[in-house]
Amino acid sequence: MKTSGNTILLTGGGSGIGRGIAAGLTAFGASVAIWEINPDSCTAAAAEIGALGIVADVRDAAAVDAALERTMAELGTVSILVNNAGGVFYSPLLDTAEKGWDALYRANLRHVFLCTQRVARKMVEAGIGGSITNVTSIEGVRAAPGYASYAAAKAGVINYTKTAALELAPHRIRVNALAPDVTLTEGIMAMAPPGAEERFAYTIPMARAGHVDEMAGAAVFLASEMASYITGQTIHVD
């Protein structure tokens, strides 16, 4: 499970699942760079975890290129990438505006393409192989009333993961996805109505929501050599 000697890049690592994954990977010995759009949470997470914090909007290609250049200058070639950045808001099908659809696509799928492509190119140039994990959602494989745009983007992440795994396999780069169910993050608790946590008992077989550390455990496994013969898979943590 050791990730010592690896430079790891994690997007959306300022809070929630991303922050948990960053902490887990750091605990197992890796040098971690956190890319986060929010300056305050980026600084706080990086200081707490002992990571390199870079404020970056991964929806923008130029920002991705600039952040990657700085990451490699300070930590070396990235060998493990975790595409965790994302966002969601309620958007019923009949009321969804084109602007809303585009926003959810850019927040949840476009950056997966941008970061995967840019980092994979550097891995291939260096001839080092590596691991890429894309954080999708259980909503990417089931109906999600009120969240069709978000769910479509997350389904796109799953399919992109499969295809990228096949294209990058000759370069010894593994590509997998992590699909969490409801996880108690700051974002979820801000969106959830009063009493939502108690109602999880009626919708989740284990009668509780997941914890960020439980998502981090699966992410560390996928990044490590213990998963060296796993690629193109979506691991459901639910």
C-alpha atoms as a PDB file:
ATOM      1  CA  MET A   1       0.000   0.000   0.000  1.00  0.00           C
ATOM      2  CA  LYS A   2       3.015   2.310   0.253  1.00  0.00           C
ATOM      3  CA  THR A   3       3.016   5.250  -2.146  1.00  0.00           C
ATOM      4  CA  SER A   4       6.483   6.487  -1.180  1.00  0.00           C
ATOM      5  CA  GLY A   5       8.509   7.986  -3.995  1.00  0.00           C
ATOM      6  CA  ASN A   6       5.440   8.982  -5.976  1.00  0.00           C
ATOM      7  CA  THR A   7       4.293  12.470  -6.861  1.00  0.00           C
ATOM      8  CA  ILE A   8       0.527  12.561  -6.592  1.00  0.00           C
ATOM      9  CA  LEU A   9      -1.784  15.180  -8.013  1.00  0.00           C
ATOM     10  CA  LEU A  10      -5.292  15.491  -6.612  1.00  0.00           C
ATOM     11  CA  THR A  11      -7.903  17.948  -7.889  1.00  0.00           C
ATOM     12  CA  GLY A  12     -10.594  19.380  -5.644  1.00  0.00           C
ATOM     13  CA  GLY A  13      -8.614  18.522  -2.534  1.00  0.00           C
ATOM     14  CA  GLY A  14      -9.635  21.448  -0.365  1.00  0.00           C
ATOM     15  CA  SER A  15     -12.509  19.711   1.375  1.00  0.00           C
ATOM     16  CA  GLY A  16     -14.708  16.617   1.531  1.00  0.00           C
ATOM     17  CA  ILE A  17     -13.726  13.400  -0.204  1.00  0.00           C
ATOM     18  CA  GLY A  18     -10.794  15.042  -1.964  1.00  0.00           C
ATOM     19  CA  ARG A  19      -9.260  16.261   1.263  1.00  0.00           C
ATOM     20  CA  GLY A  20      -9.700  12.805   2.783  1.00  0.00           C
ATOM     21  CA  ILE A  21      -8.016  11.112  -0.176  1.00  0.00           C
ATOM     22  CA  ALA A  22      -5.137  13.598  -0.083  1.00  0.00           C
ATOM     23  CA  ALA A  23      -4.607  12.896   3.618  1.00  0.00           C
ATOM     24  CA  GLY A  24      -4.691   9.146   3.014  1.00  0.00           C
ATOM     25  CA  LEU A  25      -2.162   9.242   0.182  1.00  0.00           C
ATOM     26  CA  THR A  26       0.141  11.486   2.214  1.00  0.00           C
ATOM     27  CA  ALA A  27      -0.068   9.100   5.171  1.00  0.00           C
ATOM     28  CA  PHE A  28       1.206   6.300   2.941  1.00  0.00           C
ATOM     29  CA  GLY A  29       4.297   8.249   1.967  1.00  0.00           C
ATOM     30  CA  ALA A  30       3.540  10.171  -1.210  1.00  0.00           C
ATOM     31  CA  SER A  31       4.372  13.751  -2.101  1.00  0.00           C
ATOM     32  CA  VAL A  32       0.961  15.275  -2.805  1.00  0.00           C
ATOM     33  CA  ALA A  33      -0.099  18.362  -4.733  1.00  0.00           C
ATOM     34  CA  ILE A  34      -3.627  19.642  -4.126  1.00  0.00           C
ATOM     35  CA  TRP A  35      -5.306  21.681  -6.836  1.00  0.00           C
ATOM     36  CA  GLU A  36      -8.292  23.572  -5.501  1.00  0.00           C
ATOM     37  CA  ILE A  37     -10.312  26.519  -6.823  1.00  0.00           C
ATOM     38  CA  ASN A  38     -11.045  27.964  -3.357  1.00  0.00           C
ATOM     39  CA  PRO A  39      -7.936  29.759  -2.035  1.00  0.00           C
ATOM     40  CA  ASP A  40      -8.896  29.474   1.630  1.00  0.00           C
ATOM     41  CA  SER A  41      -9.644  25.753   1.669  1.00  0.00           C
ATOM     42  CA  CYS A  42      -6.638  25.088  -0.566  1.00  0.00           C
ATOM     43  CA  THR A  43      -4.290  26.771   1.887  1.00  0.00           C
ATOM     44  CA  ALA A  44      -5.890  25.149   4.939  1.00  0.00           C
ATOM     45  CA  ALA A  45      -5.888  21.625   3.483  1.00  0.00           C
ATOM     46  CA  ALA A  46      -2.325  21.864   2.225  1.00  0.00           C
ATOM     47  CA  ALA A  47      -1.080  23.103   5.604  1.00  0.00           C
ATOM     48  CA  GLU A  48      -2.965  20.438   7.545  1.00  0.00           C
ATOM     49  CA  ILE A  49      -1.911  17.551   5.307  1.00  0.00           C
ATOM     50  CA  GLY A  50       1.597  18.697   4.459  1.00  0.00           C
ATOM     51  CA  ALA A  51       0.886  18.980   0.737  1.00  0.00           C
ATOM     52  CA  LEU A  52       1.666  21.477  -1.985  1.00  0.00           C
ATOM     53  CA  GLY A  53      -1.412  23.656  -2.466  1.00  0.00           C
ATOM     54  CA  ILE A  54      -2.069  25.259  -5.845  1.00  0.00           C
ATOM     55  CA  VAL A  55      -5.106  27.416  -6.532  1.00  0.00           C
ATOM     56  CA  ALA A  56      -6.392  26.332  -9.938  1.00  0.00           C
ATOM     57  CA  ASP A  57      -9.641  26.147 -11.883  1.00  0.00           C
ATOM     58  CA  VAL A  58      -9.381  22.743 -13.567  1.00  0.00           C
ATOM     59  CA  ARG A  59     -12.228  23.614 -15.942  1.00  0.00           C
ATOM     60  CA  ASP A  60      -9.789  25.897 -17.756  1.00  0.00           C
ATOM     61  CA  ALA A  61      -7.107  24.341 -20.002  1.00  0.00           C
ATOM     62  CA  ALA A  62      -4.591  27.160 -19.497  1.00  0.00           C
ATOM     63  CA  ALA A  63      -4.969  26.922 -15.713  1.00  0.00           C
ATOM     64  CA  VAL A  64      -4.399  23.155 -15.855  1.00  0.00           C
ATOM     65  CA  ASP A  65      -1.245  23.579 -17.929  1.00  0.00           C
ATOM     66  CA  ALA A  66       0.143  26.251 -15.608  1.00  0.00           C
ATOM     67  CA  ALA A  67      -0.633  24.275 -12.438  1.00  0.00           C
ATOM     68  CA  LEU A  68       0.928  21.120 -13.871  1.00  0.00           C
ATOM     69  CA  GLU A  69       4.096  22.989 -14.805  1.00  0.00           C
ATOM     70  CA  ARG A  70       4.427  24.310 -11.258  1.00  0.00           C
ATOM     71  CA  THR A  71       3.649  20.906  -9.723  1.00  0.00           C
ATOM     72  CA  MET A  72       6.346  19.194 -11.762  1.00  0.00           C
ATOM     73  CA  ALA A  73       8.845  21.971 -11.057  1.00  0.00           C
ATOM     74  CA  GLU A  74       8.393  21.559  -7.304  1.00  0.00           C
ATOM     75  CA  LEU A  75       7.641  17.840  -6.893  1.00  0.00           C
ATOM     76  CA  GLY A  76       8.670  16.085 -10.107  1.00  0.00           C
ATOM     77  CA  THR A  77       6.736  14.123 -12.717  1.00  0.00           C
ATOM     78  CA  VAL A  78       3.260  13.099 -11.567  1.00  0.00           C
ATOM     79  CA  SER A  79       2.877   9.310 -11.380  1.00  0.00           C
ATOM     80  CA  ILE A  80      -0.541   9.199  -9.693  1.00  0.00           C
ATOM     81  CA  LEU A  81      -3.503  11.408 -10.582  1.00  0.00           C
ATOM     82  CA  VAL A  82      -6.830  11.578  -8.775  1.00  0.00           C
ATOM     83  CA  ASN A  83      -9.485  13.576 -10.642  1.00  0.00           C
ATOM     84  CA  ASN A  84     -11.792  14.410  -7.759  1.00  0.00           C
ATOM     85  CA  ALA A  85     -13.040  17.936  -8.523  1.00  0.00           C
ATOM     86  CA  GLY A  86     -16.777  18.210  -9.130  1.00  0.00           C
ATOM     87  CA  GLY A  87     -19.986  19.954  -8.249  1.00  0.00           C
ATOM     88  CA  VAL A  88     -23.732  19.456  -8.195  1.00  0.00           C
ATOM     89  CA  PHE A  89     -26.941  21.421  -7.866  1.00  0.00           C
ATOM     90  CA  TYR A  90     -30.617  20.529  -8.184  1.00  0.00           C
ATOM     91  CA  SER A  91     -31.717  20.829 -11.809  1.00  0.00           C
ATOM     92  CA  PRO A  92     -35.051  19.217 -12.814  1.00  0.00           C
ATOM     93  CA  LEU A  93     -35.110  18.087 -16.434  1.00  0.00           C
ATOM     94  CA  LEU A  94     -37.913  20.411 -17.565  1.00  0.00           C
ATOM     95  CA  ASP A  95     -36.279  23.427 -15.961  1.00  0.00           C
ATOM     96  CA  THR A  96     -32.626  22.857 -16.866  1.00  0.00           C
ATOM     97  CA  ALA A  97     -31.130  25.739 -18.824  1.00  0.00           C
ATOM     98  CA  GLU A  98     -28.332  25.250 -21.333  1.00  0.00           C
ATOM     99  CA  LYS A  99     -26.104  27.284 -19.053  1.00  0.00           C
ATOM    100  CA  GLY A 100     -26.836  24.919 -16.170  1.00  0.00           C
ATOM    101  CA  TRP A 101     -26.159  21.844 -18.311  1.00  0.00           C
ATOM    102  CA  ASP A 102     -22.843  23.302 -19.494  1.00  0.00           C
ATOM    103  CA  ALA A 103     -21.847  24.221 -15.941  1.00  0.00           C
ATOM    104  CA  LEU A 104     -22.391  20.680 -14.678  1.00  0.00           C
ATOM    105  CA  TYR A 105     -20.555  19.195 -17.658  1.00  0.00           C
ATOM    106  CA  ARG A 106     -17.560  21.480 -17.097  1.00  0.00           C
ATOM    107  CA  ALA A 107     -17.527  20.834 -13.358  1.00  0.00           C
ATOM    108  CA  ASN A 108     -17.750  17.043 -13.575  1.00  0.00           C
ATOM    109  CA  LEU A 109     -16.486  15.780 -16.937  1.00  0.00           C
ATOM    110  CA  ARG A 110     -14.491  18.341 -18.923  1.00  0.00           C
ATOM    111  CA  HIS A 111     -11.728  18.577 -16.334  1.00  0.00           C
ATOM    112  CA  VAL A 112     -11.358  14.783 -16.288  1.00  0.00           C
ATOM    113  CA  PHE A 113     -10.417  14.955 -19.962  1.00  0.00           C
ATOM    114  CA  LEU A 114      -8.105  17.960 -19.498  1.00  0.00           C
ATOM    115  CA  CYS A 115      -6.199  16.629 -16.492  1.00  0.00           C
ATOM    116  CA  THR A 116      -6.034  13.026 -17.672  1.00  0.00           C
ATOM    117  CA  GLN A 117      -4.683  14.016 -21.074  1.00  0.00           C
ATOM    118  CA  ARG A 118      -2.092  16.483 -19.779  1.00  0.00           C
ATOM    119  CA  VAL A 119      -0.795  14.258 -16.994  1.00  0.00           C
ATOM    120  CA  ALA A 120      -0.812  11.103 -19.132  1.00  0.00           C
ATOM    121  CA  ARG A 121       1.293  12.887 -21.763  1.00  0.00           C
ATOM    122  CA  LYS A 122       3.920  13.659 -19.109  1.00  0.00           C
ATOM    123  CA  MET A 123       3.857  10.056 -17.866  1.00  0.00           C
ATOM    124  CA  VAL A 124       4.388   8.760 -21.412  1.00  0.00           C
ATOM    125  CA  GLU A 125       7.211  11.247 -22.073  1.00  0.00           C
ATOM    126  CA  ALA A 126       8.951  10.151 -18.869  1.00  0.00           C
ATOM    127  CA  GLY A 127       8.257   6.463 -19.530  1.00  0.00           C
ATOM    128  CA  ILE A 128       7.219   5.908 -15.923  1.00  0.00           C
ATOM    129  CA  GLY A 129       3.734   4.423 -16.148  1.00  0.00           C
ATOM    130  CA  GLY A 130       1.279   5.403 -13.462  1.00  0.00           C
ATOM    131  CA  SER A 131      -2.222   5.354 -12.054  1.00  0.00           C
ATOM    132  CA  ILE A 132      -5.217   7.613 -12.696  1.00  0.00           C
ATOM    133  CA  THR A 133      -8.370   7.478 -10.598  1.00  0.00           C
ATOM    134  CA  ASN A 134     -11.484   9.412 -11.579  1.00  0.00           C
ATOM    135  CA  VAL A 135     -14.015  10.092  -8.834  1.00  0.00           C
ATOM    136  CA  THR A 136     -17.471   9.580 -10.313  1.00  0.00           C
ATOM    137  CA  SER A 137     -20.660   8.829  -8.351  1.00  0.00           C
ATOM    138  CA  ILE A 138     -23.221   6.130  -7.801  1.00  0.00           C
ATOM    139  CA  GLU A 139     -25.527   8.539  -9.664  1.00  0.00           C
ATOM    140  CA  GLY A 140     -23.589   7.710 -12.825  1.00  0.00           C
ATOM    141  CA  VAL A 141     -25.166   4.238 -12.943  1.00  0.00           C
ATOM    142  CA  ARG A 142     -28.712   4.843 -11.711  1.00  0.00           C
ATOM    143  CA  ALA A 143     -31.597   7.191 -12.362  1.00  0.00           C
ATOM    144  CA  ALA A 144     -31.232  10.476 -10.509  1.00  0.00           C
ATOM    145  CA  PRO A 145     -34.459  12.521 -10.653  1.00  0.00           C
ATOM    146  CA  GLY A 146     -33.667  16.217 -10.353  1.00  0.00           C
ATOM    147  CA  TYR A 147     -30.016  15.645 -11.168  1.00  0.00           C
ATOM    148  CA  ALA A 148     -30.084  14.368 -14.762  1.00  0.00           C
ATOM    149  CA  SER A 149     -27.307  16.670 -15.994  1.00  0.00           C
ATOM    150  CA  TYR A 150     -25.012  15.762 -13.102  1.00  0.00           C
ATOM    151  CA  ALA A 151     -25.728  12.044 -13.484  1.00  0.00           C
ATOM    152  CA  ALA A 152     -25.076  12.184 -17.245  1.00  0.00           C
ATOM    153  CA  ALA A 153     -21.692  13.807 -16.641  1.00  0.00           C
ATOM    154  CA  LYS A 154     -20.795  11.200 -14.020  1.00  0.00           C
ATOM    155  CA  ALA A 155     -21.841   8.412 -16.405  1.00  0.00           C
ATOM    156  CA  GLY A 156     -19.526  10.023 -18.936  1.00  0.00           C
ATOM    157  CA  VAL A 157     -16.681   9.767 -16.435  1.00  0.00           C
ATOM    158  CA  ILE A 158     -17.258   6.009 -16.154  1.00  0.00           C
ATOM    159  CA  ASN A 159     -17.183   5.469 -19.911  1.00  0.00           C
ATOM    160  CA  TYR A 160     -14.192   7.777 -20.373  1.00  0.00           C
ATOM    161  CA  THR A 161     -12.384   5.760 -17.703  1.00  0.00           C
ATOM    162  CA  LYS A 162     -12.915   2.497 -19.596  1.00  0.00           C
ATOM    163  CA  THR A 163     -11.694   3.883 -22.910  1.00  0.00           C
ATOM    164  CA  ALA A 164      -8.736   5.715 -21.394  1.00  0.00           C
ATOM    165  CA  ALA A 165      -7.723   2.499 -19.636  1.00  0.00           C
ATOM    166  CA  LEU A 166      -7.494   0.657 -22.962  1.00  0.00           C
ATOM    167  CA  GLU A 167      -5.663   3.460 -24.771  1.00  0.00           C
ATOM    168  CA  LEU A 168      -3.134   3.994 -21.976  1.00  0.00           C
ATOM    169  CA  ALA A 169      -2.506   0.367 -21.031  1.00  0.00           C
ATOM    170  CA  PRO A 170       0.399  -0.008 -23.511  1.00  0.00           C
ATOM    171  CA  HIS A 171       2.103   2.821 -21.613  1.00  0.00           C
ATOM    172  CA  ARG A 172       1.657   1.011 -18.259  1.00  0.00           C
ATOM    173  CA  ILE A 173      -0.858   3.613 -17.086  1.00  0.00           C
ATOM    174  CA  ARG A 174      -3.865   2.244 -15.203  1.00  0.00           C
ATOM    175  CA  VAL A 175      -7.149   4.180 -15.210  1.00  0.00           C
ATOM    176  CA  ASN A 176      -9.963   3.405 -12.783  1.00  0.00           C
ATOM    177  CA  ALA A 177     -12.951   5.167 -11.255  1.00  0.00           C
ATOM    178  CA  LEU A 178     -14.277   5.463  -7.722  1.00  0.00           C
ATOM    179  CA  ALA A 179     -18.060   5.724  -7.305  1.00  0.00           C
ATOM    180  CA  PRO A 180     -19.088   6.790  -3.778  1.00  0.00           C
ATOM    181  CA  ASP A 181     -22.616   6.679  -2.428  1.00  0.00           C
ATOM    182  CA  VAL A 182     -23.804   9.359   0.009  1.00  0.00           C
ATOM    183  CA  THR A 183     -20.788  10.544   2.002  1.00  0.00           C
ATOM    184  CA  LEU A 184     -20.872  12.960   4.916  1.00  0.00           C
ATOM    185  CA  THR A 185     -18.983  15.925   3.525  1.00  0.00           C
ATOM    186  CA  GLU A 186     -19.340  19.628   4.153  1.00  0.00           C
ATOM    187  CA  GLY A 187     -21.090  20.002   0.798  1.00  0.00           C
ATOM    188  CA  ILE A 188     -23.621  17.237   1.413  1.00  0.00           C
ATOM    189  CA  MET A 189     -24.500  18.545   4.859  1.00  0.00           C
ATOM    190  CA  ALA A 190     -24.963  22.068   3.468  1.00  0.00           C
ATOM    191  CA  MET A 191     -27.401  20.782   0.819  1.00  0.00           C
ATOM    192  CA  ALA A 192     -29.291  18.237   2.922  1.00  0.00           C
ATOM    193  CA  PRO A 193     -32.569  19.256   4.590  1.00  0.00           C
ATOM    194  CA  PRO A 194     -32.948  18.922   8.369  1.00  0.00           C
ATOM    195  CA  GLY A 195     -33.155  15.298   9.486  1.00  0.00           C
ATOM    196  CA  ALA A 196     -31.604  13.939   6.278  1.00  0.00           C
ATOM    197  CA  GLU A 197     -28.910  12.003   8.127  1.00  0.00           C
ATOM    198  CA  GLU A 198     -31.523  10.042  10.065  1.00  0.00           C
ATOM    199  CA  ARG A 199     -33.369   9.174   6.840  1.00  0.00           C
ATOM    200  CA  PHE A 200     -30.264   7.451   5.438  1.00  0.00           C
ATOM    201  CA  ALA A 201     -31.311   4.465   7.540  1.00  0.00           C
ATOM    202  CA  TYR A 202     -34.262   3.929   5.179  1.00  0.00           C
ATOM    203  CA  THR A 203     -32.344   4.208   1.893  1.00  0.00           C
ATOM    204  CA  ILE A 204     -28.918   2.695   2.619  1.00  0.00           C
ATOM    205  CA  PRO A 205     -28.621  -1.007   3.592  1.00  0.00           C
ATOM    206  CA  MET A 206     -25.913  -0.286   6.198  1.00  0.00           C
ATOM    207  CA  ALA A 207     -28.241   2.390   7.623  1.00  0.00           C
ATOM    208  CA  ARG A 208     -25.683   5.182   7.506  1.00  0.00           C
ATOM    209  CA  ALA A 209     -23.820   7.456   5.143  1.00  0.00           C
ATOM    210  CA  GLY A 210     -20.197   6.849   4.276  1.00  0.00           C
ATOM    211  CA  HIS A 211     -17.211   8.662   5.771  1.00  0.00           C
ATOM    212  CA  VAL A 212     -14.498  10.376   3.736  1.00  0.00           C
ATOM    213  CA  ASP A 213     -11.900   7.990   5.194  1.00  0.00           C
ATOM    214  CA  GLU A 214     -13.807   5.057   3.691  1.00  0.00           C
ATOM    215  CA  MET A 215     -13.567   6.644   0.253  1.00  0.00           C
ATOM    216  CA  ALA A 216      -9.896   7.428   0.862  1.00  0.00           C
ATOM    217  CA  GLY A 217      -9.157   3.780   1.675  1.00  0.00           C
ATOM    218  CA  ALA A 218     -10.414   2.669  -1.727  1.00  0.00           C
ATOM    219  CA  ALA A 219      -8.546   5.493  -3.476  1.00  0.00           C
ATOM    220  CA  VAL A 220      -5.246   4.602  -1.781  1.00  0.00           C
ATOM    221  CA  PHE A 221      -5.744   0.966  -2.809  1.00  0.00           C
ATOM    222  CA  LEU A 222      -6.338   1.907  -6.466  1.00  0.00           C
ATOM    223  CA  ALA A 223      -3.271   4.152  -6.479  1.00  0.00           C
ATOM    224  CA  SER A 224      -0.998   1.548  -4.928  1.00  0.00           C
ATOM    225  CA  GLU A 225       0.797  -1.498  -6.332  1.00  0.00           C
ATOM    226  CA  MET A 226      -1.800  -3.690  -4.629  1.00  0.00           C
ATOM    227  CA  ALA A 227      -4.049  -2.747  -7.562  1.00  0.00           C
ATOM    228  CA  SER A 228      -1.354  -3.262 -10.217  1.00  0.00           C
ATOM    229  CA  TYR A 229      -3.568  -5.614 -12.307  1.00  0.00           C
ATOM    230  CA  ILE A 230      -6.745  -3.528 -12.045  1.00  0.00           C
ATOM    231  CA  THR A 231      -7.648  -1.088 -14.814  1.00  0.00           C
ATOM    232  CA  GLY A 232     -10.798   0.146 -16.518  1.00  0.00           C
ATOM    233  CA  GLN A 233     -12.885  -0.592 -13.452  1.00  0.00           C
ATOM    234  CA  THR A 234     -15.367   1.431 -11.437  1.00  0.00           C
ATOM    235  CA  ILE A 235     -15.175   0.579  -7.751  1.00  0.00           C
ATOM    236  CA  HIS A 236     -18.431   1.258  -5.920  1.00  0.00           C
ATOM    237  CA  VAL A 237     -17.969   2.313  -2.322  1.00  0.00           C
ATOM    238  CA  ASP A 238     -21.566   2.120  -1.167  1.00  0.00           C
END
